[in-house]
Protein backbone atom coordinates (compact mmCIF):
# COMPACT_ATOMS: atom_id res chain seq x y z
CA MET A 1 48.62 97.26 73.98
CA LEU A 2 47.53 99.89 76.62
CA LYS A 3 49.51 97.85 79.14
CA LEU A 4 52.56 97.75 76.97
CA ASN A 5 52.40 101.68 76.76
CA ARG A 6 52.02 102.34 80.57
CA LEU A 7 55.48 99.72 80.84
CA GLN A 8 57.49 101.54 78.18
CA THR A 9 56.40 104.69 80.15
CA LYS A 10 57.12 103.67 83.20
CA LYS A 11 60.95 102.45 81.88
CA ARG A 12 61.29 105.77 80.64
CA LYS A 13 60.90 107.66 83.61
CA ILE A 14 63.17 105.63 85.20
CA ILE A 15 65.63 105.94 82.49
CA ALA A 16 64.84 109.45 82.61
CA ARG A 17 66.23 109.62 86.53
CA GLU A 18 69.24 108.06 85.60
CA TYR A 19 72.44 109.98 85.70
CA HIS A 20 75.27 108.45 83.14
CA GLU A 21 78.53 107.60 84.43
CA SER A 22 79.93 109.76 81.55
CA ASN A 23 78.84 112.89 82.88
CA PHE A 24 81.39 112.20 86.21
CA ILE A 25 84.41 111.39 83.68
CA PRO A 26 86.33 114.44 82.30
CA TYR A 27 88.20 112.91 78.84
CA SER A 28 86.72 113.53 75.44
CA GLU A 29 89.22 112.13 72.90
CA HIS A 30 92.66 111.63 71.65
CA TRP A 31 94.67 114.49 70.89
CA ASN A 32 97.33 112.10 69.59
CA SER A 33 98.45 108.64 70.19
CA SER A 34 99.73 109.39 73.63
CA THR A 35 97.69 112.39 74.83
CA LEU A 36 93.99 112.41 75.85
CA MET A 37 92.30 115.28 75.71
CA THR A 38 89.72 116.53 78.80
CA LYS A 39 86.42 118.09 78.27
CA ASP A 40 87.56 121.43 79.24
CA GLY A 41 90.42 121.60 77.23
CA SER A 42 93.22 120.09 79.45
CA MET A 43 95.84 117.65 78.40
CA LEU A 44 97.53 114.78 79.91
CA LYS A 45 99.91 112.00 79.36
CA VAL A 46 100.55 108.85 81.06
CA ILE A 47 104.31 107.32 82.20
CA LYS A 48 104.11 103.71 83.60
CA LEU A 49 106.95 102.78 85.66
CA SER A 50 108.47 99.51 86.51
CA GLY A 51 109.68 100.76 89.84
CA TYR A 52 113.09 101.07 91.96
CA ALA A 53 114.07 98.59 93.78
CA PHE A 54 114.66 99.45 96.86
CA GLU A 55 114.86 95.99 99.14
CA THR A 56 118.63 95.65 97.76
CA ALA A 57 119.03 99.24 98.09
CA ASP A 58 120.97 100.84 101.09
CA ASP A 59 119.68 103.82 102.87
CA GLU A 60 121.88 106.52 101.29
CA ASP A 61 120.44 105.63 97.70
CA LEU A 62 116.78 105.68 98.77
CA SER A 63 117.69 109.22 100.38
CA ILE A 64 118.94 110.34 96.91
CA GLN A 65 116.35 109.05 95.14
CA ASN A 66 114.03 111.02 97.26
CA SER A 67 115.98 114.05 96.20
CA ILE A 68 115.77 112.98 92.97
CA ARG A 69 111.89 112.88 92.85
CA ASN A 70 112.08 116.35 94.57
CA GLN A 71 113.71 118.06 92.47
CA MET A 72 111.77 116.62 89.56
CA LEU A 73 108.89 117.88 91.16
CA ARG A 74 109.92 121.44 91.83
CA SER A 75 111.15 121.67 88.78
CA ILE A 76 107.77 121.59 87.37
CA SER A 77 106.04 123.59 90.09
CA SER A 78 103.58 125.45 88.04
CA SER A 79 99.94 126.23 88.84
CA SER A 80 99.39 125.24 85.21
CA PHE A 81 99.90 121.39 86.08
CA GLY A 82 99.08 118.49 88.42
CA LEU A 83 100.28 114.91 88.48
CA TYR A 84 98.21 111.89 89.61
CA PHE A 85 99.91 109.03 90.87
CA HIS A 86 98.32 105.62 90.98
CA ILE A 87 99.42 102.27 92.36
CA ILE A 88 97.14 99.47 91.23
CA ARG A 89 97.72 95.99 92.98
CA ARG A 90 95.62 93.17 91.02
CA ARG A 91 95.36 89.28 91.15
CA ARG A 92 97.08 87.66 88.30
CA ASN A 93 97.82 83.90 87.36
CA ALA A 94 101.89 83.82 87.46
CA PHE A 95 101.48 81.06 85.02
CA THR A 96 99.40 82.02 82.00
CA GLU A 97 98.28 80.30 78.96
CA GLY A 98 101.11 80.53 76.08
CA PHE A 99 103.93 80.65 78.85
CA ALA A 100 106.26 77.77 79.64
CA SER A 101 103.49 76.03 78.40
CA ASP A 102 105.79 73.81 76.09
CA LYS A 103 107.24 70.14 77.36
CA VAL A 104 110.86 70.84 77.97
CA SER A 105 113.22 68.53 76.24
CA SER A 106 114.73 67.42 79.40
CA SER A 107 112.48 64.53 81.42
CA PHE A 108 113.95 65.98 84.76
CA ALA A 109 113.67 69.43 84.15
CA ASN A 110 110.13 68.83 82.32
CA TYR A 111 108.82 67.32 85.58
CA VAL A 112 109.92 70.14 88.15
CA ASN A 113 108.01 72.32 85.69
CA VAL A 114 105.20 70.66 85.72
CA LYS A 115 105.04 70.09 89.54
CA TRP A 116 106.06 74.02 90.01
CA ARG A 117 103.18 74.90 87.97
CA GLU A 118 100.97 72.27 89.72
CA LYS A 119 102.12 74.32 93.20
CA HIS A 120 101.44 77.67 91.43
CA ALA A 121 97.65 76.91 90.21
CA THR A 122 95.85 77.38 93.40
CA LYS A 123 98.18 80.04 94.89
CA GLN A 124 97.15 84.01 94.92
CA SER A 125 99.89 86.22 92.83
CA PHE A 126 99.79 89.98 92.44
CA THR A 127 101.08 92.56 90.16
CA ASN A 128 102.05 96.02 91.16
CA ASP A 129 101.28 98.50 88.15
CA LEU A 130 102.79 102.18 88.94
CA TYR A 131 101.70 104.86 87.01
CA ILE A 132 102.28 108.79 86.94
CA THR A 133 99.72 111.06 85.15
CA ILE A 134 100.84 114.76 83.88
CA VAL A 135 97.88 116.85 83.33
CA ARG A 136 98.08 120.14 81.89
CA GLU A 137 94.80 121.98 82.75
CA GLY A 138 93.33 124.12 79.87
CA GLY A 139 92.50 127.23 82.01
CA LYS A 140 89.36 128.81 82.50
CA LYS A 141 91.25 132.67 80.79
CA GLY A 142 91.56 130.95 77.97
CA MET A 143 88.24 129.77 77.08
CA GLU A 144 87.06 133.30 78.60
CA PHE A 145 89.29 134.67 75.91
CA LEU A 146 87.97 132.45 72.93
CA SER A 147 84.51 133.63 73.62
CA SER A 148 85.49 137.09 73.19
CA ILE A 149 87.18 136.40 69.91
CA LEU A 150 84.26 134.43 69.05
CA ASP A 151 81.53 137.84 70.07
CA LYS A 152 84.40 139.87 67.64
CA PHE A 153 85.18 137.97 64.44
CA GLY A 154 83.02 135.13 64.44
CA LYS A 155 83.72 131.34 64.49
CA GLY A 156 86.50 130.79 62.38
CA ALA A 157 88.98 133.20 63.68
CA ALA A 158 87.76 131.43 67.10
CA GLN A 159 88.21 127.77 66.08
CA GLU A 160 92.25 129.02 64.80
CA ALA A 161 92.60 130.59 67.90
CA ARG A 162 91.43 127.78 69.98
CA MET A 163 93.70 125.29 67.83
CA LYS A 164 96.82 127.68 68.76
CA ASP A 165 95.86 127.56 72.29
CA LEU A 166 95.51 123.42 72.30
CA HIS A 167 98.85 123.52 70.43
CA ALA A 168 100.44 125.77 73.11
CA ILE A 169 99.12 123.14 75.77
CA SER A 170 100.19 120.08 73.95
CA GLU A 171 104.20 121.48 73.63
CA ASP A 172 104.46 122.38 77.35
CA LEU A 173 102.82 118.88 77.91
CA ASP A 174 105.70 117.33 76.34
CA GLU A 175 108.38 119.39 77.86
CA VAL A 176 107.01 118.30 81.20
CA THR A 177 106.58 114.54 80.37
CA ASN A 178 110.27 114.42 78.69
CA ARG A 179 111.39 116.08 81.85
CA VAL A 180 109.58 113.76 83.90
CA PHE A 181 110.61 110.36 82.06
CA THR A 182 114.51 111.81 82.43
CA SER A 183 114.32 112.11 85.89
CA LEU A 184 113.11 108.95 86.80
CA ARG A 185 115.15 107.03 84.14
CA ASN A 186 116.34 104.65 87.14
CA TYR A 187 112.71 103.12 87.73
CA MET A 188 112.27 101.79 83.66
CA PRO A 189 109.71 104.62 82.54
CA LYS A 190 107.46 104.22 79.70
CA ILE A 191 105.00 106.71 77.91
CA LEU A 192 101.45 104.99 77.37
CA GLY A 193 100.45 105.18 73.97
CA ILE A 194 98.72 102.67 71.22
CA ARG A 195 99.75 99.28 70.42
CA GLU A 196 98.84 97.83 66.94
CA THR A 197 98.48 94.00 66.86
CA LYS A 198 96.91 91.95 64.28
CA HIS A 199 93.59 92.35 66.15
CA GLY A 200 93.31 95.84 66.28
CA VAL A 201 95.02 99.10 67.60
CA PHE A 202 94.64 98.88 71.42
CA SER A 203 94.48 102.12 73.38
CA GLU A 204 97.49 102.00 76.93
CA ILE A 205 96.08 104.83 78.26
CA MET A 206 92.56 103.80 78.29
CA GLU A 207 93.48 100.26 79.44
CA PHE A 208 94.77 102.37 82.48
CA LEU A 209 91.85 104.21 82.74
CA LEU A 210 89.30 101.36 83.00
CA GLN A 211 90.92 99.71 85.68
CA ILE A 212 89.97 102.64 87.75
CA VAL A 213 86.26 103.55 86.15
CA ASN A 214 85.75 99.76 86.56
CA CYS A 215 87.25 99.60 90.19
CA GLY A 216 90.61 97.43 89.23
CA SER A 217 89.00 95.08 86.53
CA PHE A 218 91.53 94.80 83.75
CA GLN A 219 90.19 94.87 79.94
CA TYR A 220 91.85 95.28 76.64
CA ALA A 221 90.78 98.48 75.20
CA LEU A 222 90.74 98.91 71.20
CA PHE A 223 91.43 102.55 70.41
CA PRO A 224 88.50 104.37 70.76
CA MET A 225 86.78 106.29 67.58
CA GLY A 226 83.77 108.33 69.74
CA ASP A 227 83.33 109.78 73.27
CA VAL A 228 86.34 108.57 75.80
CA SER A 229 83.81 108.90 78.41
CA ARG A 230 81.32 106.91 77.29
CA TYR A 231 83.91 104.15 76.27
CA LEU A 232 85.13 103.46 79.75
CA PRO A 233 82.62 102.57 81.99
CA MET A 234 81.97 98.51 81.84
CA HIS A 235 80.12 98.08 84.88
CA ARG A 236 77.27 99.14 87.14
CA LEU A 237 78.16 101.09 90.00
CA TYR A 238 75.84 101.36 93.30
CA PHE A 239 77.07 104.01 95.73
CA GLY A 240 75.68 102.89 99.05
CA HIS A 241 76.71 104.46 102.92
CA LYS A 242 79.94 103.41 102.95
CA THR A 243 80.25 100.40 100.26
CA ILE A 244 80.26 100.51 96.19
CA GLN A 245 78.62 97.74 94.64
CA ILE A 246 80.03 96.65 91.17
CA VAL A 247 77.63 94.76 89.08
CA GLY A 248 79.28 92.92 86.13
CA HIS A 249 78.18 90.60 83.12
CA ASN A 250 78.98 87.79 85.13
CA GLU A 251 80.57 89.24 88.82
CA CYS A 252 79.70 91.19 91.59
CA LYS A 253 81.85 92.97 93.92
CA TYR A 254 81.99 95.42 96.82
CA ALA A 255 84.39 98.25 97.40
CA GLY A 256 85.15 100.42 100.32
CA LEU A 257 87.25 103.82 100.20
CA ILE A 258 89.95 105.00 102.86
CA SER A 259 91.20 108.47 102.82
CA LEU A 260 93.62 110.48 104.64
CA LYS A 261 92.06 112.89 107.38
CA GLU A 262 94.94 114.04 108.93
CA TYR A 263 98.39 114.19 108.33
CA GLY A 264 101.73 113.27 110.29
CA GLN A 265 104.31 115.18 111.27
CA THR A 266 107.17 113.98 109.10
CA THR A 267 107.34 111.83 105.80
CA SER A 268 109.70 109.28 104.32
CA ALA A 269 110.83 107.69 101.64
CA GLY A 270 109.11 104.48 101.25
CA MET A 271 106.67 104.97 103.64
CA LEU A 272 103.57 103.23 101.46
CA ASP A 273 105.89 100.26 101.24
CA ALA A 274 103.63 98.14 103.23
CA PHE A 275 100.94 98.30 100.81
CA LEU A 276 102.62 96.62 98.12
CA GLN A 277 102.79 93.29 100.31
CA LEU A 278 98.91 93.04 101.32
CA PRO A 279 97.10 90.39 100.20
CA TYR A 280 94.47 92.07 98.62
CA GLU A 281 93.52 94.04 95.48
CA LEU A 282 94.04 97.90 95.78
CA ILE A 283 94.06 100.85 93.75
CA ILE A 284 96.31 103.70 95.45
CA THR A 285 95.58 107.11 94.33
CA GLN A 286 97.38 110.58 95.16
CA SER A 287 97.12 114.11 93.35
CA PHE A 288 99.52 116.85 93.81
CA ARG A 289 98.11 120.24 92.09
CA PHE A 290 100.99 122.89 92.00
CA THR A 291 99.98 126.16 94.22
CA ASN A 292 101.53 129.85 93.84
CA ARG A 293 104.66 129.61 95.88
CA GLN A 294 104.69 133.25 96.93
CA SER A 295 100.19 132.17 98.27
CA ALA A 296 101.83 129.31 100.14
CA ILE A 297 104.62 131.28 101.72
CA THR A 298 102.28 133.82 102.81
CA LYS A 299 99.96 131.22 104.32
CA MET A 300 102.63 129.84 106.47
CA GLN A 301 104.13 133.50 107.62
CA ILE A 302 100.50 134.39 108.91
CA GLN A 303 100.14 130.68 110.61
CA GLN A 304 103.39 131.39 112.39
CA ASN A 305 102.19 135.01 113.33
CA ARG A 306 99.06 133.25 115.04
CA MET A 307 101.44 130.78 116.99
CA ILE A 308 103.60 132.96 118.29
CA GLN A 309 101.13 136.03 119.26
CA SER A 310 98.84 133.26 120.78
CA SER A 311 102.09 131.89 122.81
CA ASP A 312 101.34 128.57 121.29
CA LYS A 313 103.09 125.90 123.38
CA ALA A 314 104.16 123.81 120.51
CA VAL A 315 107.40 125.46 119.57
CA SER A 316 108.58 122.81 117.45
CA GLN A 317 106.29 123.74 114.59
CA VAL A 318 107.40 127.43 114.84
CA VAL A 319 110.74 126.06 114.34
CA GLU A 320 109.65 123.62 111.26
CA ILE A 321 107.53 126.46 109.50
CA SER A 322 110.70 128.70 109.53
CA GLN A 323 112.79 126.13 108.32
CA ALA A 324 110.52 125.43 105.81
CA LEU A 325 109.53 129.31 105.48
CA ASP A 326 113.74 129.04 104.47
CA ASP A 327 113.48 126.32 102.69
CA ALA A 328 110.56 128.02 100.15
CA THR A 329 112.22 131.09 99.74
CA SER A 330 115.71 129.53 99.09
CA GLY A 331 113.86 127.49 95.84
CA ARG A 332 114.25 124.07 97.65
CA ILE A 333 110.92 123.18 97.74
CA ALA A 334 107.62 123.92 96.33
CA PHE A 335 103.90 123.46 97.34
CA GLY A 336 100.85 121.87 95.99
CA GLN A 337 97.42 120.46 97.17
CA HIS A 338 97.38 116.73 98.18
CA HIS A 339 95.00 113.85 98.30
CA LEU A 340 95.35 110.10 99.15
CA THR A 341 92.87 107.36 98.58
CA ILE A 342 92.94 104.04 98.40
CA LEU A 343 90.27 101.85 97.19
CA CYS A 344 90.13 97.79 97.58
CA ALA A 345 87.02 95.84 95.87
CA GLU A 346 86.62 92.27 97.51
CA ARG A 347 84.01 89.55 96.36
CA ASN A 348 82.09 89.67 99.67
CA LEU A 349 81.15 92.73 102.57
CA LYS A 350 83.20 90.47 104.89
CA THR A 351 86.18 90.19 103.28
CA LEU A 352 85.90 93.61 102.32
CA ASP A 353 85.80 94.71 105.94
CA ASN A 354 88.95 92.92 106.85
CA ALA A 355 90.71 94.52 104.13
CA LEU A 356 89.59 98.20 105.00
CA SER A 357 90.44 97.70 108.62
CA LEU A 358 94.12 96.15 107.73
CA ILE A 359 94.24 99.11 105.22
CA GLU A 360 93.48 101.79 108.36
CA SER A 361 95.66 100.08 110.14
CA GLU A 362 98.84 100.11 107.99
CA LEU A 363 98.26 103.86 107.32
CA SER A 364 98.24 104.76 111.17
CA ASN A 365 101.56 102.78 111.05
CA CYS A 366 102.59 105.75 108.61
CA GLY A 367 101.62 108.49 111.18
CA VAL A 368 98.53 109.24 109.26
CA TYR A 369 94.82 109.56 110.45
CA PRO A 370 92.82 107.50 107.92
CA VAL A 371 88.81 107.84 107.30
CA ARG A 372 86.53 105.56 105.55
CA GLU A 373 84.51 107.19 103.24
CA LYS A 374 80.94 107.82 103.81
CA ILE A 375 79.01 110.99 102.81
CA ASN A 376 81.84 111.75 100.42
CA LEU A 377 82.12 108.20 98.93
CA GLU A 378 81.07 109.30 95.51
CA PRO A 379 83.25 112.11 94.86
CA ALA A 380 86.25 110.91 96.25
CA PHE A 381 85.62 107.49 93.73
CA TRP A 382 85.22 110.06 91.09
CA ALA A 383 88.25 112.03 91.98
CA GLN A 384 90.45 109.11 91.30
CA LEU A 385 90.53 109.93 88.04
CA PRO A 386 93.53 111.92 86.63
CA GLY A 387 92.09 115.94 86.13
CA ASN A 388 89.29 115.07 88.13
CA PHE A 389 90.65 117.74 90.73
CA GLU A 390 87.12 119.65 91.76
CA TYR A 391 85.79 116.00 93.15
CA VAL A 392 88.85 115.98 95.91
CA VAL A 393 87.23 116.63 99.32
CA ARG A 394 90.14 115.93 101.89
CA LYS A 395 93.12 117.71 100.30
CA ALA A 396 95.67 119.36 102.17
CA ILE A 397 98.89 121.94 101.18
CA ILE A 398 102.55 119.83 101.27
CA SER A 399 106.06 120.30 100.41
CA THR A 400 107.26 118.58 97.06
CA LEU A 401 109.69 116.77 99.63
CA ASN A 402 106.80 115.20 101.41
CA MET A 403 105.08 114.74 98.28
CA ALA A 404 108.41 112.83 97.30
CA GLY A 405 108.07 110.45 100.28
CA PHE A 406 104.18 109.57 99.51
CA ALA A 407 105.34 108.92 96.09
CA SER A 408 108.19 106.63 96.10
CA GLN A 409 107.55 104.88 93.33
CA HIS A 410 109.31 101.39 95.29
CA ASN A 411 108.64 98.59 93.81
CA TYR A 412 109.43 94.83 93.71
CA PRO A 413 111.32 93.48 90.85
CA VAL A 414 109.09 91.25 88.02
CA GLY A 415 111.79 90.23 85.58
CA LYS A 416 111.04 90.02 81.92
CA LYS A 417 108.05 87.30 80.85
CA PHE A 418 108.72 87.22 77.14
CA ASN A 419 111.30 88.71 74.22
CA ASN A 420 114.17 87.89 75.97
CA HIS A 421 117.33 87.02 74.07
CA TRP A 422 116.98 83.04 74.97
CA GLY A 423 112.92 83.15 74.59
CA GLU A 424 110.81 83.20 77.50
CA ALA A 425 111.47 83.31 80.97
CA VAL A 426 113.21 80.30 82.22
CA THR A 427 110.60 79.68 85.11
CA VAL A 428 108.63 81.90 88.00
CA PHE A 429 110.06 82.73 91.67
CA ASP A 430 108.09 83.86 94.57
CA THR A 431 108.65 87.07 95.93
CA THR A 432 107.97 88.23 99.93
CA SER A 433 105.10 90.67 98.13
CA GLY A 434 103.07 88.19 96.09
CA THR A 435 104.56 89.12 92.83
CA PRO A 436 105.89 86.94 90.58
CA PHE A 437 109.59 87.16 89.68
CA PHE A 438 109.96 86.01 86.04
CA PHE A 439 113.61 84.38 85.86
CA ASN A 440 116.25 84.97 83.06
CA PHE A 441 120.21 84.18 83.37
CA HIS A 442 120.58 87.41 81.87
CA ILE A 443 119.00 91.36 81.65
CA ARG A 444 118.98 92.47 78.24
CA ASP A 445 122.04 91.85 76.36
CA VAL A 446 124.25 91.29 78.84
CA GLY A 447 125.67 87.67 80.07
CA HIS A 448 126.32 86.14 83.17
CA THR A 449 129.27 83.76 83.48
CA SER A 450 131.16 82.48 86.32
CA ILE A 451 134.34 80.79 86.06
CA ILE A 452 135.36 78.89 88.97
CA GLY A 453 139.27 77.34 89.77
CA PRO A 454 142.04 77.29 91.94
CA THR A 455 144.62 80.27 91.84
CA GLY A 456 146.84 80.07 88.81
CA GLY A 457 144.61 78.04 87.08
CA GLY A 458 144.30 80.79 84.46
CA LYS A 459 140.05 82.10 85.57
CA THR A 460 141.32 86.04 84.44
CA VAL A 461 140.87 86.74 80.68
């Protein structure tokens, strides 16, 4: 009995030293079906994009879309808002259960279908999921104001003022989300909410956040009834010198994280498109927290004056600052604090090191200086979560035009798998990015007909 008590006491001490993952996760509960609240009173919404098919677009179209993204970002330009951009690239089986499993009536077509499935049975396929998270910050001033009301008028008045403040934040968030949704209509956006099925009510926002917290592992998530921050962790994370060990119920993986240390001279639309083809699972995270325009202009003026007075030989930089000052003063661009990280998870350390080396090489080709996180590994990991701005370590002020280049929202088309006008997709094609394309003979309700015949044969309707 004495030994048992000693063992229990020892385990309690170990448990007491544990720091729960929920302490790093900022979310508390759903405000409504499509809005999530954070512990500090901020709110966020998530938009999932199919992406813009850049491979078949010419340079002029890409430039126009870049300008549209810049205009969209510039229209927000409020220090109360921040944006997170995520690309989650993960492995998946193109021929999942329930798809193309029924025997085709034609014997030849069925033979081709079976052989095509056998070819893809061991082939790696990936999906690129694009997300934009709009964060409306609650603000410390509002909390201080509520504390003063609580002291003067009591709990009831403070609660009423608090609800009024939350409704105002929700309205602001809805307005900006609708603006982003409309601006990016060519990217096939969808606001994440809840999904009702015969198995229960599922939260699409939770399914998105689960992938970030658990290093890319996807799981269906029922609508949470309690604290969201305790609902999300599914794996145990061990942070080492430069590697994260992810221990699940039946698997163990390793992850590393690459950040931007220094930025290049220019940005362009599609500068990160090469990552859509890499043969690894990735989570690319970018945050953009809007700053006061006048403050950014003042900082640029100070930097320019220093360079001029010190007779700095980098004349081109002085000219570029003058151009940026002109654009900012004219309202053509806005500014914000930006950070970018890329997390890669693999089953063994050697494959992980090879993947991270390739990622560093691709970032260098973009004209930026990457670094593998070591001391900053843990804060950089938690900074991936939308709203965790305080964990961002490596940040720099860039313009909305630069941000439009970093977050191009380009993607490869994937077609439509189920719920087509003629049933499920006919088959699956390969793409250069390793993503599957679900082929149909039509798009939505638009039919395709080809009439071939000689001149004067009556082809014209």
